[in-house]
Amino acid sequence: MYIERVPNRNSPPAVLLRESWREDGKVKKRTIGNLSSLPDETIEALRAALKSEVIPASEGIVSPKSLISIHDVRQHGHVAAIYSCLKKSGLLNMIDSKFSRKRDVVATMIIDRIINGDSKLATVRHCNPETASTSLGELLSVEDLHEDECYAAMDWLLERQPGIQRKLAKKHFEDGAQVLFDLSSSYFEGKCCEMAHFGYSRDHRSDQKQVNYGLYTNADGTPIGVEVFDGNESDRIAFPIAVDRVRKDFKQKNVIFIGDRGMISGKAIDEYLRDEEGADWITALNSASIAKLERCGSIQLSLFDEIDLVSITHPDYPDERLVVCRNPVLAKRRKKSAKLFYRQPKHCSQKSLKRSTVKINLCAERIKSGWKPAKSSVRKGRQNTSFSLLKTTP
């Protein structure tokens, strides 16, 4: 049974007690009684009783707007959605299969990082009931969170990192899949980090110390693991660590390593990949190696146009395939740079140029005759190479 209000044109609506049932696939209903003469409090109490709700008639809601008061306002939807994703994705179980305070603190930091991206101290404020604007602290029962707990949870998480990364690799990597790894850096403001050093700044902040970190992902860009390095370490130092991590910790036997020419160099291939069973690679040659192939005639413009690719082999690169493509955009940019580098100054006269040419020719003759200057005053210019050359296993 249920109570239904039926509009009655200009008269007050009729309040009817009705019963419904299904017969031969059709819904039928009949009126049991007319409750229009009863007070609204009695009607609402009867409606609650029909719904199995125990509400005294004196507390029946007649005018909700006048009886509801707002005591606190906290955003909840986005917090609940992210927490639900953490559980359904299995990430919480990968962190720790058992419920614990530290796991809840880690989940709190993850959710707050996604929503606000603030510091640990700000995360504590976002959980405190007096300063919180979301239901994060209440949802995870960390309303009394202290910043020291956040750092302690991070130390606990660091101990579990290898196991977590192995579980992620097992879930997102297939045998023979592509493993993407790249090194980046972040400048460091503090003074107490032992790993912070001056190095090649990708943030263009050479005035600050930095920390390098490398990220492992699959072909879809799903993060699998992370490595942290000293700020002055280069790609060549990080690459062998990444190879060892992928082959041993991630249990990937058939792997394709993809990296730029600075990371996967010829020396790195010879030392870490060439003799490894199931290891393949895709990288690029540097400008000097490309120029050498061009001088010996292995690369000719007649071999390819500006659209198609050309695959060649060379004795210097055994068991490897070289894929060549001319890059017209790069050629145009380097041609412009060469013009700027060799542009004749306006104040330079023909007499000065002639005098400089004589001195350069004299220096060249002395060098041919075996003379070696103590200090070289001639700077070698960059060759105008417009080839992009990938190096990969067959």
Protein backbone atom coordinates (compact mmCIF):
# COMPACT_ATOMS: atom_id res chain seq x y z
CA MET A 1 0.00 0.00 0.00
CA TYR A 2 1.03 3.59 -0.52
CA ILE A 3 -0.28 7.14 -0.18
CA GLU A 4 -0.88 9.20 -3.30
CA ARG A 5 -1.76 12.87 -3.68
CA VAL A 6 -4.12 13.45 -6.63
CA PRO A 7 -4.46 17.02 -7.98
CA ASN A 8 -8.05 18.29 -7.90
CA ARG A 9 -8.08 21.41 -10.11
CA ASN A 10 -8.88 24.44 -7.95
CA SER A 11 -9.63 22.35 -4.85
CA PRO A 12 -7.08 20.92 -2.41
CA PRO A 13 -5.48 17.67 -3.64
CA ALA A 14 -7.08 14.41 -2.62
CA VAL A 15 -4.93 12.22 -0.37
CA LEU A 16 -5.75 8.57 -1.09
CA LEU A 17 -4.59 5.32 0.48
CA ARG A 18 -4.12 2.91 -2.41
CA GLU A 19 -3.01 -0.62 -3.15
CA SER A 20 -1.39 -1.86 -6.37
CA TRP A 21 -0.74 -5.29 -7.84
CA ARG A 22 0.22 -6.88 -11.15
CA GLU A 23 -2.27 -9.04 -13.08
CA ASP A 24 -1.69 -10.53 -16.55
CA GLY A 25 1.33 -8.30 -17.07
CA LYS A 26 -0.59 -5.13 -16.20
CA VAL A 27 -0.41 -2.97 -13.08
CA LYS A 28 -3.77 -2.46 -11.39
CA LYS A 29 -4.64 -0.38 -8.35
CA ARG A 30 -7.61 0.34 -6.13
CA THR A 31 -8.41 2.97 -3.55
CA ILE A 32 -8.76 1.74 0.02
CA GLY A 33 -9.58 5.01 1.73
CA ASN A 34 -9.65 8.80 1.45
CA LEU A 35 -7.26 10.49 3.90
CA SER A 36 -7.86 14.08 2.79
CA SER A 37 -9.46 15.04 6.10
CA LEU A 38 -6.49 13.94 8.20
CA PRO A 39 -3.79 16.41 9.38
CA ASP A 40 -0.57 16.50 7.39
CA GLU A 41 1.44 15.22 10.38
CA THR A 42 -0.76 12.10 10.58
CA ILE A 43 -0.51 11.51 6.83
CA GLU A 44 3.29 11.75 6.87
CA ALA A 45 3.48 9.44 9.88
CA LEU A 46 1.30 6.90 8.07
CA ARG A 47 3.44 7.24 4.93
CA ALA A 48 6.57 6.54 7.01
CA ALA A 49 4.91 3.53 8.65
CA LEU A 50 4.03 2.08 5.25
CA LYS A 51 7.74 2.38 4.32
CA SER A 52 8.74 0.61 7.56
CA GLU A 53 10.18 3.82 8.99
CA VAL A 54 9.53 4.52 12.66
CA ILE A 55 8.87 8.26 12.89
CA PRO A 56 6.59 9.74 15.53
CA ALA A 57 3.73 11.78 14.22
CA SER A 58 5.04 14.84 16.03
CA GLU A 59 8.25 14.65 13.95
CA GLY A 60 6.55 14.13 10.62
CA ILE A 61 8.01 16.34 7.92
CA VAL A 62 5.41 18.71 6.61
CA SER A 63 7.60 21.53 5.26
CA PRO A 64 11.16 20.21 4.66
CA LYS A 65 12.65 23.61 3.88
CA SER A 66 11.63 25.02 7.22
CA LEU A 67 12.78 22.02 9.29
CA ILE A 68 16.16 21.25 7.65
CA SER A 69 19.16 23.26 8.87
CA ILE A 70 22.70 23.09 7.48
CA HIS A 71 25.36 22.50 10.14
CA ASP A 72 28.37 21.67 7.94
CA VAL A 73 29.16 21.59 4.21
CA ARG A 74 31.88 19.28 2.89
CA GLN A 75 32.47 18.07 -0.64
CA HIS A 76 32.21 14.32 -0.90
CA GLY A 77 31.55 13.12 -4.47
CA HIS A 78 35.05 13.42 -5.95
CA VAL A 79 36.65 11.95 -2.80
CA ALA A 80 34.35 8.92 -2.87
CA ALA A 81 34.88 8.46 -6.63
CA ILE A 82 38.69 8.41 -6.37
CA TYR A 83 38.63 6.10 -3.35
CA SER A 84 36.31 3.74 -5.22
CA CYS A 85 38.71 3.72 -8.19
CA LEU A 86 41.62 2.87 -5.87
CA LYS A 87 39.72 -0.14 -4.56
CA LYS A 88 38.34 -1.37 -7.89
CA SER A 89 41.71 -1.03 -9.64
CA GLY A 90 43.31 -3.24 -7.01
CA LEU A 91 45.91 -0.63 -6.04
CA LEU A 92 45.00 -0.71 -2.36
CA ASN A 93 45.48 -4.48 -2.21
CA MET A 94 48.81 -4.10 -4.03
CA ILE A 95 49.96 -1.64 -1.39
CA ASP A 96 48.88 -3.97 1.41
CA SER A 97 46.31 -6.75 1.42
CA LYS A 98 45.50 -6.07 5.09
CA PHE A 99 43.64 -3.10 6.50
CA SER A 100 45.97 -0.85 8.45
CA ARG A 101 46.38 2.72 9.56
CA LYS A 102 49.44 3.20 7.34
CA ARG A 103 47.58 1.97 4.27
CA ASP A 104 44.77 4.44 4.99
CA VAL A 105 47.33 7.25 5.36
CA VAL A 106 48.90 6.33 2.01
CA ALA A 107 45.45 6.28 0.37
CA THR A 108 44.73 9.67 1.94
CA MET A 109 47.91 11.16 0.46
CA ILE A 110 47.13 9.69 -2.97
CA ILE A 111 43.60 11.09 -3.02
CA ASP A 112 44.69 14.51 -1.75
CA ARG A 113 47.53 14.61 -4.28
CA ILE A 114 45.04 14.00 -7.11
CA ILE A 115 42.55 16.59 -5.82
CA ASN A 116 44.81 19.35 -4.52
CA GLY A 117 48.45 18.48 -5.21
CA ASP A 118 49.58 20.13 -1.98
CA SER A 119 52.20 19.39 0.65
CA LYS A 120 51.92 16.85 3.46
CA LEU A 121 51.12 19.64 5.92
CA ALA A 122 48.25 20.74 3.69
CA THR A 123 47.00 17.15 3.54
CA VAL A 124 46.79 17.15 7.33
CA ARG A 125 44.72 20.37 7.23
CA HIS A 126 42.40 18.84 4.63
CA CYS A 127 41.66 15.97 7.05
CA ASN A 128 41.21 18.03 10.22
CA PRO A 129 37.47 18.50 10.96
CA GLU A 130 38.02 22.16 11.82
CA THR A 131 39.71 23.04 8.51
CA ALA A 132 38.52 20.32 6.13
CA SER A 133 36.51 21.20 3.03
CA THR A 134 35.96 17.58 1.96
CA SER A 135 34.97 14.32 3.62
CA LEU A 136 38.47 12.83 3.09
CA GLY A 137 39.40 12.54 6.77
CA GLU A 138 36.02 11.17 7.80
CA LEU A 139 35.88 8.66 4.93
CA LEU A 140 39.24 7.09 5.81
CA SER A 141 39.03 7.70 9.58
CA VAL A 142 42.15 9.87 9.61
CA GLU A 143 40.67 13.06 11.03
CA ASP A 144 43.43 13.09 13.67
CA LEU A 145 46.22 12.73 11.06
CA HIS A 146 49.61 14.28 11.89
CA GLU A 147 52.29 15.23 9.36
CA ASP A 148 54.80 12.88 11.01
CA GLU A 149 52.47 9.99 10.17
CA CYS A 150 52.61 10.96 6.50
CA TYR A 151 56.41 10.73 6.41
CA ALA A 152 56.38 7.50 8.41
CA ALA A 153 53.87 6.03 5.93
CA MET A 154 56.14 7.04 3.04
CA ASP A 155 59.08 5.22 4.67
CA TRP A 156 56.82 2.18 5.09
CA LEU A 157 55.75 2.46 1.45
CA LEU A 158 59.37 2.69 0.27
CA GLU A 159 60.11 -0.68 1.89
CA ARG A 160 57.19 -2.19 -0.03
CA GLN A 161 58.03 -0.53 -3.37
CA PRO A 162 59.77 -3.52 -5.04
CA GLY A 163 56.83 -5.82 -4.29
CA ILE A 164 54.28 -3.25 -5.48
CA GLN A 165 56.18 -2.70 -8.73
CA ARG A 166 56.39 -6.45 -9.36
CA LYS A 167 52.62 -6.74 -8.95
CA LEU A 168 52.03 -3.81 -11.32
CA ALA A 169 54.41 -5.30 -13.88
CA LYS A 170 52.65 -8.67 -13.70
CA LYS A 171 49.32 -6.95 -14.28
CA HIS A 172 50.25 -4.52 -17.06
CA PHE A 173 53.20 -6.17 -18.85
CA GLU A 174 52.98 -9.05 -21.28
CA ASP A 175 55.99 -11.03 -22.39
CA GLY A 176 57.61 -9.22 -25.30
CA ALA A 177 55.86 -5.95 -24.53
CA GLN A 178 57.38 -2.52 -24.98
CA VAL A 179 58.94 -1.03 -21.84
CA LEU A 180 59.23 2.75 -21.92
CA PHE A 181 61.70 4.45 -19.58
CA ASP A 182 62.71 8.08 -19.45
CA LEU A 183 64.67 10.23 -17.05
CA SER A 184 63.45 13.58 -15.78
CA SER A 185 64.39 15.96 -12.99
CA SER A 186 62.92 18.38 -10.47
CA TYR A 187 64.76 21.22 -8.85
CA PHE A 188 65.10 21.11 -5.08
CA GLU A 189 64.53 24.01 -2.69
CA GLY A 190 65.79 22.47 0.54
CA LYS A 191 69.32 21.88 1.81
CA CYS A 192 69.09 18.52 3.63
CA CYS A 193 68.64 16.09 0.72
CA GLU A 194 71.74 13.99 0.08
CA MET A 195 70.63 13.20 -3.47
CA ALA A 196 70.25 16.83 -4.52
CA HIS A 197 73.11 17.98 -6.77
CA PHE A 198 73.71 20.40 -9.58
CA GLY A 199 73.23 18.77 -12.98
CA TYR A 200 71.53 19.06 -16.35
CA SER A 201 68.31 20.88 -15.47
CA ARG A 202 65.26 19.91 -17.48
CA ASP A 203 63.33 22.58 -15.55
CA HIS A 204 65.73 25.25 -16.81
CA ARG A 205 66.71 26.04 -13.21
CA SER A 206 70.46 25.66 -13.32
CA ASP A 207 70.69 27.87 -10.21
CA GLN A 208 69.07 25.15 -8.06
CA LYS A 209 70.11 21.66 -7.05
CA GLN A 210 67.94 18.88 -8.41
CA VAL A 211 66.91 15.25 -8.05
CA ASN A 212 66.58 12.95 -11.06
CA TYR A 213 63.90 10.29 -11.38
CA GLY A 214 63.07 7.72 -14.02
CA LEU A 215 59.61 6.39 -14.82
CA TYR A 216 58.72 2.97 -16.22
CA THR A 217 55.52 2.65 -18.27
CA ASN A 218 53.96 0.24 -20.73
CA ALA A 219 53.02 1.17 -24.30
CA ASP A 220 49.74 2.71 -23.08
CA GLY A 221 51.57 5.02 -20.68
CA THR A 222 50.47 3.20 -17.53
CA PRO A 223 53.06 3.84 -14.78
CA ILE A 224 54.71 0.67 -13.52
CA GLY A 225 57.62 1.87 -11.39
CA VAL A 226 59.90 4.75 -10.55
CA GLU A 227 63.60 5.13 -9.79
CA VAL A 228 65.20 8.09 -8.00
CA PHE A 229 68.79 9.09 -8.80
CA ASP A 230 71.26 11.72 -7.70
CA GLY A 231 70.80 15.04 -9.42
CA ASN A 232 74.13 14.85 -11.25
CA GLU A 233 73.63 11.39 -12.77
CA SER A 234 73.02 11.10 -16.51
CA ASP A 235 70.93 8.83 -18.73
CA ARG A 236 73.90 6.52 -19.33
CA ILE A 237 74.14 5.74 -15.61
CA ALA A 238 70.40 5.26 -15.22
CA PHE A 239 69.97 2.96 -18.23
CA PRO A 240 71.84 -0.13 -16.92
CA ILE A 241 69.86 0.14 -13.68
CA ALA A 242 66.65 0.22 -15.72
CA VAL A 243 67.73 -2.82 -17.74
CA ASP A 244 68.47 -4.78 -14.58
CA ARG A 245 65.14 -3.73 -13.06
CA VAL A 246 63.10 -4.79 -16.07
CA ARG A 247 64.88 -8.10 -16.61
CA LYS A 248 65.09 -9.26 -12.98
CA ASP A 249 62.43 -7.51 -10.91
CA PHE A 250 59.75 -7.25 -13.59
CA LYS A 251 60.55 -10.78 -14.88
CA GLN A 252 60.49 -9.62 -18.50
CA LYS A 253 62.63 -11.92 -20.66
CA ASN A 254 61.57 -10.69 -24.11
CA VAL A 255 61.77 -6.91 -23.95
CA ILE A 256 62.04 -4.09 -26.49
CA PHE A 257 63.97 -1.15 -25.02
CA ILE A 258 63.16 2.20 -26.60
CA GLY A 259 65.25 5.27 -25.82
CA ASP A 260 66.96 8.30 -27.28
CA ARG A 261 70.58 8.45 -28.43
CA GLY A 262 71.76 9.82 -25.11
CA MET A 263 70.37 6.92 -23.11
CA ILE A 264 70.83 3.86 -25.35
CA SER A 265 74.25 4.53 -26.82
CA GLY A 266 76.41 2.08 -28.74
CA LYS A 267 78.49 1.41 -25.64
CA ALA A 268 75.39 0.69 -23.57
CA ILE A 269 74.12 -1.74 -26.21
CA ASP A 270 77.43 -3.63 -26.27
CA GLU A 271 77.65 -3.85 -22.47
CA TYR A 272 74.05 -4.51 -21.43
CA LEU A 273 71.88 -5.66 -24.36
CA ARG A 274 73.75 -7.32 -27.20
CA ASP A 275 74.51 -10.59 -25.42
CA GLU A 276 71.17 -10.73 -23.55
CA GLU A 277 68.73 -13.29 -24.87
CA GLY A 278 65.35 -11.78 -25.79
CA ALA A 279 66.55 -8.17 -25.56
CA ASP A 280 65.80 -5.88 -28.52
CA TRP A 281 66.19 -2.14 -28.82
CA ILE A 282 65.18 0.92 -30.80
CA THR A 283 67.34 4.03 -30.53
CA ALA A 284 68.94 6.71 -32.72
CA LEU A 285 72.45 7.47 -33.93
CA ASN A 286 74.13 10.73 -33.00
CA SER A 287 75.15 13.34 -35.57
CA ALA A 288 78.79 12.18 -35.72
CA SER A 289 77.79 8.59 -36.55
CA ILE A 290 75.35 9.76 -39.21
CA ALA A 291 78.01 11.99 -40.78
CA LYS A 292 80.42 9.03 -40.87
CA LEU A 293 77.88 6.91 -42.74
CA GLU A 294 77.32 9.76 -45.16
CA ARG A 295 81.05 10.20 -45.85
CA CYS A 296 81.59 6.52 -46.58
CA GLY A 297 78.67 6.50 -49.02
CA SER A 298 76.27 4.34 -47.05
CA ILE A 299 73.68 7.12 -47.09
CA GLN A 300 72.78 8.77 -50.39
CA LEU A 301 69.99 11.16 -51.17
CA SER A 302 69.05 9.05 -54.18
CA LEU A 303 68.15 6.11 -51.93
CA PHE A 304 64.99 7.68 -50.57
CA ASP A 305 62.64 10.63 -50.87
CA GLU A 306 61.29 12.87 -48.13
CA ILE A 307 58.35 10.58 -47.30
CA ASP A 308 59.41 6.94 -47.46
CA LEU A 309 61.90 5.25 -45.16
CA VAL A 310 65.02 3.37 -46.20
CA SER A 311 66.39 0.38 -44.31
CA ILE A 312 70.13 -0.29 -44.61
CA THR A 313 72.82 -2.37 -42.91
CA HIS A 314 76.44 -1.55 -42.13
CA PRO A 315 79.41 -3.61 -40.84
CA ASP A 316 79.88 -1.21 -37.93
CA TYR A 317 76.43 -2.22 -36.62
CA PRO A 318 76.23 -6.03 -36.71
CA ASP A 319 72.87 -7.68 -36.11
CA GLU A 320 71.19 -4.27 -36.34
CA ARG A 321 68.97 -2.56 -38.89
CA LEU A 322 69.36 1.14 -39.68
CA VAL A 323 66.22 3.02 -40.73
CA VAL A 324 66.97 6.30 -42.50
CA CYS A 325 64.62 9.19 -43.19
CA ARG A 326 65.44 12.71 -44.28
CA ASN A 327 63.81 15.32 -42.07
CA PRO A 328 63.08 18.48 -44.12
CA VAL A 329 62.02 20.43 -41.03
CA LEU A 330 65.30 19.65 -39.27
CA ALA A 331 67.26 20.49 -42.43
CA LYS A 332 65.58 23.89 -42.67
CA ARG A 333 66.20 24.66 -39.01
CA ARG A 334 69.88 23.69 -39.16
CA LYS A 335 70.40 25.61 -42.38
CA LYS A 336 69.02 28.69 -40.67
CA SER A 337 71.29 28.10 -37.66
CA ALA A 338 74.31 27.75 -39.97
CA LYS A 339 73.50 31.07 -41.64
CA LEU A 340 73.31 32.77 -38.26
CA PHE A 341 76.61 31.18 -37.17
CA TYR A 342 78.55 32.04 -40.32
CA ARG A 343 76.85 35.35 -41.03
CA GLN A 344 79.32 38.06 -42.00
CA PRO A 345 79.33 41.01 -39.56
CA LYS A 346 78.37 44.34 -41.04
CA HIS A 347 81.51 46.04 -39.71
CA CYS A 348 83.84 43.37 -41.19
CA SER A 349 85.61 44.63 -44.34
CA GLN A 350 86.89 42.59 -47.23
CA LYS A 351 90.45 43.48 -46.20
CA SER A 352 89.92 41.97 -42.74
CA LEU A 353 88.42 38.83 -44.25
CA LYS A 354 91.36 38.44 -46.61
CA ARG A 355 93.86 38.84 -43.76
CA SER A 356 92.01 36.26 -41.64
CA THR A 357 91.91 33.82 -44.57
CA VAL A 358 95.69 34.06 -45.01
CA LYS A 359 96.27 33.27 -41.33
CA ILE A 360 93.89 30.31 -41.39
CA ASN A 361 95.56 28.85 -44.50
CA LEU A 362 98.99 29.26 -42.87
CA CYS A 363 97.75 27.46 -39.76
CA ALA A 364 96.33 24.64 -41.91
CA GLU A 365 99.66 24.15 -43.71
CA ARG A 366 101.53 23.94 -40.41
CA ILE A 367 99.12 21.33 -39.10
CA LYS A 368 99.57 19.22 -42.25
CA SER A 369 103.31 19.33 -41.78
CA GLY A 370 102.98 17.85 -38.28
CA TRP A 371 102.95 20.98 -36.13
CA LYS A 372 100.67 20.68 -33.08
CA PRO A 373 99.67 23.90 -31.32
CA ALA A 374 99.62 23.97 -27.52
CA LYS A 375 96.07 25.32 -27.50
CA SER A 376 93.62 25.11 -30.36
CA SER A 377 92.05 28.41 -31.30
CA VAL A 378 89.78 26.91 -33.98
CA ARG A 379 86.36 25.72 -32.83
CA LYS A 380 84.89 22.88 -34.80
CA GLY A 381 81.47 23.77 -36.15
CA ARG A 382 78.44 21.50 -36.14
CA GLN A 383 77.83 19.58 -39.33
CA ASN A 384 74.67 20.38 -41.21
CA THR A 385 73.16 16.90 -40.99
CA SER A 386 69.50 16.60 -41.88
CA PHE A 387 69.06 12.85 -41.44
CA SER A 388 67.06 11.07 -38.77
CA LEU A 389 68.49 7.58 -38.33
CA LEU A 390 66.94 4.93 -36.11
CA LYS A 391 68.92 1.91 -35.01
CA THR A 392 67.06 -1.24 -34.11
CA THR A 393 67.46 -4.97 -33.97
CA PRO A 394 66.42 -6.90 -37.11
